[in-house]
Every structure is written in C-alpha cells, then in structure tokens.
C-alpha cells in the first residue's frame, strides 16, 4: 500500500481555507455582539476586525450584560449548526429520490 505523497498544493489550499474560516469566525463573533446590543435597544459605536484586536463598542445599555458576551460565541456556532443541518437535509432529500 502506497502512502500519500506530500502535495504542496493541498497545503496551500488547506492553509487558505483555514485563514478564511478564522476570518469569517471573527466577523460572525463580533456581529453576534452587535446583534445582542441592537436587540436590547443599544447603539453600536465602533466595529473593528482589521487588526488582531478585533472589537466592538456600544452605548445605551447600562451595567454588565451577559447576553452581549454570550452572543459572541453563540451566533457563529448557531449559524454553523444550521448550515450543517441544512446540508444533511439536502442530502437526505437527494438520496430519497434514489431509494
């Protein structure tokens, strides 16, 4: 049995996909914070994803707000789960034509 040979093109493709996925996660993470602020009537005053210190600032919500913190992680994970579930449903519908 022959082992897979090193393929530099695959390494470049995997690295590019990883970088894009991380960038998309950061965007969705910060967007999740913004959605939580908007849902509570606050105003987003700053949104930055350009540098390594991605962040957002808001006003109009007083005190500590755990929903704003939780939505940062919850929003991208929820979208990922919905995407995966939709792929499963599409595959199931596709396969049902042939069963």
C-alpha atoms as a PDB file:
ATOM      1  CA  UNK A   1       0.000   0.000   0.000  1.00  0.00           C
ATOM      2  CA  UNK A   2       1.490   3.284  -1.110  1.00  0.00           C
ATOM      3  CA  UNK A   3       1.432   6.226   1.277  1.00  0.00           C
ATOM      4  CA  UNK A   4       0.066   9.553   0.153  1.00  0.00           C
ATOM      5  CA  UNK A   5       2.797  11.728  -1.232  1.00  0.00           C
ATOM      6  CA  UNK A   6       3.324  15.263   0.013  1.00  0.00           C
ATOM      7  CA  UNK A   7       1.275  17.671  -2.071  1.00  0.00           C
ATOM      8  CA  UNK A   8       2.227  21.354  -1.615  1.00  0.00           C
ATOM      9  CA  UNK A   9      -0.906  22.497  -3.437  1.00  0.00           C
ATOM     10  CA  UNK A  10      -3.103  20.819  -0.822  1.00  0.00           C
ATOM     11  CA  UNK A  11      -1.135  22.510   1.962  1.00  0.00           C
ATOM     12  CA  UNK A  12      -1.713  25.921   0.370  1.00  0.00           C
ATOM     13  CA  UNK A  13      -5.409  25.199  -0.127  1.00  0.00           C
ATOM     14  CA  UNK A  14      -5.871  23.964   3.460  1.00  0.00           C
ATOM     15  CA  UNK A  15      -3.991  26.997   4.805  1.00  0.00           C
ATOM     16  CA  UNK A  16      -6.133  29.374   2.738  1.00  0.00           C
ATOM     17  CA  UNK A  17      -9.361  27.685   3.844  1.00  0.00           C
ATOM     18  CA  UNK A  18      -8.236  27.858   7.478  1.00  0.00           C
ATOM     19  CA  UNK A  19      -7.390  31.566   7.239  1.00  0.00           C
ATOM     20  CA  UNK A  20     -10.722  32.377   5.571  1.00  0.00           C
ATOM     21  CA  UNK A  21     -12.616  30.297   8.167  1.00  0.00           C
ATOM     22  CA  UNK A  22     -10.888  32.089  11.046  1.00  0.00           C
ATOM     23  CA  UNK A  23     -11.593  35.476   9.478  1.00  0.00           C
ATOM     24  CA  UNK A  24     -15.257  34.566   8.992  1.00  0.00           C
ATOM     25  CA  UNK A  25     -15.492  33.379  12.593  1.00  0.00           C
ATOM     26  CA  UNK A  26     -14.118  36.708  13.855  1.00  0.00           C
ATOM     27  CA  UNK A  27     -16.626  38.633  11.725  1.00  0.00           C
ATOM     28  CA  UNK A  28     -19.547  36.499  12.935  1.00  0.00           C
ATOM     29  CA  UNK A  29     -18.311  36.649  16.535  1.00  0.00           C
ATOM     30  CA  UNK A  30     -18.290  40.449  16.579  1.00  0.00           C
ATOM     31  CA  UNK A  31     -21.563  40.560  14.644  1.00  0.00           C
ATOM     32  CA  UNK A  32     -23.121  38.382  17.352  1.00  0.00           C
ATOM     33  CA  UNK A  33     -22.188  41.001  19.955  1.00  0.00           C
ATOM     34  CA  UNK A  34     -23.705  43.714  17.741  1.00  0.00           C
ATOM     35  CA  UNK A  35     -26.971  41.805  17.278  1.00  0.00           C
ATOM     36  CA  UNK A  36     -27.320  41.421  21.054  1.00  0.00           C
ATOM     37  CA  UNK A  37     -26.808  45.164  21.502  1.00  0.00           C
ATOM     38  CA  UNK A  38     -29.342  46.019  18.782  1.00  0.00           C
ATOM     39  CA  UNK A  39     -31.929  43.614  20.203  1.00  0.00           C
ATOM     40  CA  UNK A  40     -31.718  45.431  23.535  1.00  0.00           C
ATOM     41  CA  UNK A  41     -32.048  48.906  22.023  1.00  0.00           C
ATOM     42  CA  UNK A  42     -28.382  49.851  22.240  1.00  0.00           C
ATOM     43  CA  UNK A  43     -26.259  51.578  19.622  1.00  0.00           C
ATOM     44  CA  UNK A  44     -23.040  50.113  18.230  1.00  0.00           C
ATOM     45  CA  UNK A  45     -20.475  52.914  18.194  1.00  0.00           C
ATOM     46  CA  UNK A  46     -17.448  51.004  16.907  1.00  0.00           C
ATOM     47  CA  UNK A  47     -16.865  47.784  14.973  1.00  0.00           C
ATOM     48  CA  UNK A  48     -13.328  46.702  14.075  1.00  0.00           C
ATOM     49  CA  UNK A  49     -11.999  43.477  12.610  1.00  0.00           C
ATOM     50  CA  UNK A  50      -8.982  44.864  10.783  1.00  0.00           C
ATOM     51  CA  UNK A  51      -6.219  44.265  13.305  1.00  0.00           C
ATOM     52  CA  UNK A  52      -5.517  41.481  15.792  1.00  0.00           C
ATOM     53  CA  UNK A  53      -7.512  43.420  18.382  1.00  0.00           C
ATOM     54  CA  UNK A  54     -10.970  42.945  16.882  1.00  0.00           C
ATOM     55  CA  UNK A  55     -13.646  44.570  18.993  1.00  0.00           C
ATOM     56  CA  UNK A  56     -16.903  46.456  19.092  1.00  0.00           C
ATOM     57  CA  UNK A  57     -18.147  49.200  21.376  1.00  0.00           C
ATOM     58  CA  UNK A  58     -21.667  50.208  22.223  1.00  0.00           C
ATOM     59  CA  UNK A  59     -23.752  52.606  24.279  1.00  0.00           C
ATOM     60  CA  UNK A  60     -27.303  52.693  25.524  1.00  0.00           C
ATOM     61  CA  UNK A  61     -27.102  49.574  27.698  1.00  0.00           C
ATOM     62  CA  UNK A  62     -26.073  50.153  31.288  1.00  0.00           C
ATOM     63  CA  UNK A  63     -24.265  47.757  33.569  1.00  0.00           C
ATOM     64  CA  UNK A  64     -22.849  44.338  32.815  1.00  0.00           C
ATOM     65  CA  UNK A  65     -24.815  42.498  30.160  1.00  0.00           C
ATOM     66  CA  UNK A  66     -24.088  38.765  29.828  1.00  0.00           C
ATOM     67  CA  UNK A  67     -26.213  38.444  26.671  1.00  0.00           C
ATOM     68  CA  UNK A  68     -23.772  40.656  24.773  1.00  0.00           C
ATOM     69  CA  UNK A  69     -20.888  38.450  25.894  1.00  0.00           C
ATOM     70  CA  UNK A  70     -22.602  35.136  25.165  1.00  0.00           C
ATOM     71  CA  UNK A  71     -23.843  36.119  21.706  1.00  0.00           C
ATOM     72  CA  UNK A  72     -20.239  36.476  20.529  1.00  0.00           C
ATOM     73  CA  UNK A  73     -19.731  32.729  20.705  1.00  0.00           C
ATOM     74  CA  UNK A  74     -23.359  31.661  20.312  1.00  0.00           C
ATOM     75  CA  UNK A  75     -24.067  33.372  16.967  1.00  0.00           C
ATOM     76  CA  UNK A  76     -21.310  31.769  14.810  1.00  0.00           C
ATOM     77  CA  UNK A  77     -21.825  28.344  16.383  1.00  0.00           C
ATOM     78  CA  UNK A  78     -25.576  28.540  15.753  1.00  0.00           C
ATOM     79  CA  UNK A  79     -25.030  29.510  12.121  1.00  0.00           C
ATOM     80  CA  UNK A  80     -22.584  26.640  11.691  1.00  0.00           C
ATOM     81  CA  UNK A  81     -25.063  24.148  13.156  1.00  0.00           C
ATOM     82  CA  UNK A  82     -27.861  25.431  10.929  1.00  0.00           C
ATOM     83  CA  UNK A  83     -25.577  25.160   7.901  1.00  0.00           C
ATOM     84  CA  UNK A  84     -24.572  21.590   8.747  1.00  0.00           C
ATOM     85  CA  UNK A  85     -28.185  20.597   9.391  1.00  0.00           C
ATOM     86  CA  UNK A  86     -29.283  22.117   6.089  1.00  0.00           C
ATOM     87  CA  UNK A  87     -26.618  20.077   4.301  1.00  0.00           C
ATOM     88  CA  UNK A  88     -27.919  16.956   5.989  1.00  0.00           C
ATOM     89  CA  UNK A  89     -31.488  17.728   4.969  1.00  0.00           C
ATOM     90  CA  UNK A  90     -30.469  18.389   1.374  1.00  0.00           C
ATOM     91  CA  UNK A  91     -28.522  15.129   1.276  1.00  0.00           C
ATOM     92  CA  UNK A  92     -31.474  13.239   2.723  1.00  0.00           C
ATOM     93  CA  UNK A  93     -33.872  14.724   0.141  1.00  0.00           C
ATOM     94  CA  UNK A  94     -31.404  13.969  -2.658  1.00  0.00           C
ATOM     95  CA  UNK A  95     -30.922  10.380  -1.527  1.00  0.00           C
ATOM     96  CA  UNK A  96     -34.681   9.807  -1.133  1.00  0.00           C
ATOM     97  CA  UNK A  97     -35.054  10.134  -4.915  1.00  0.00           C
ATOM     98  CA  UNK A  98     -32.910   7.036  -5.384  1.00  0.00           C
ATOM     99  CA  UNK A  99     -34.189   4.833  -2.560  1.00  0.00           C
END
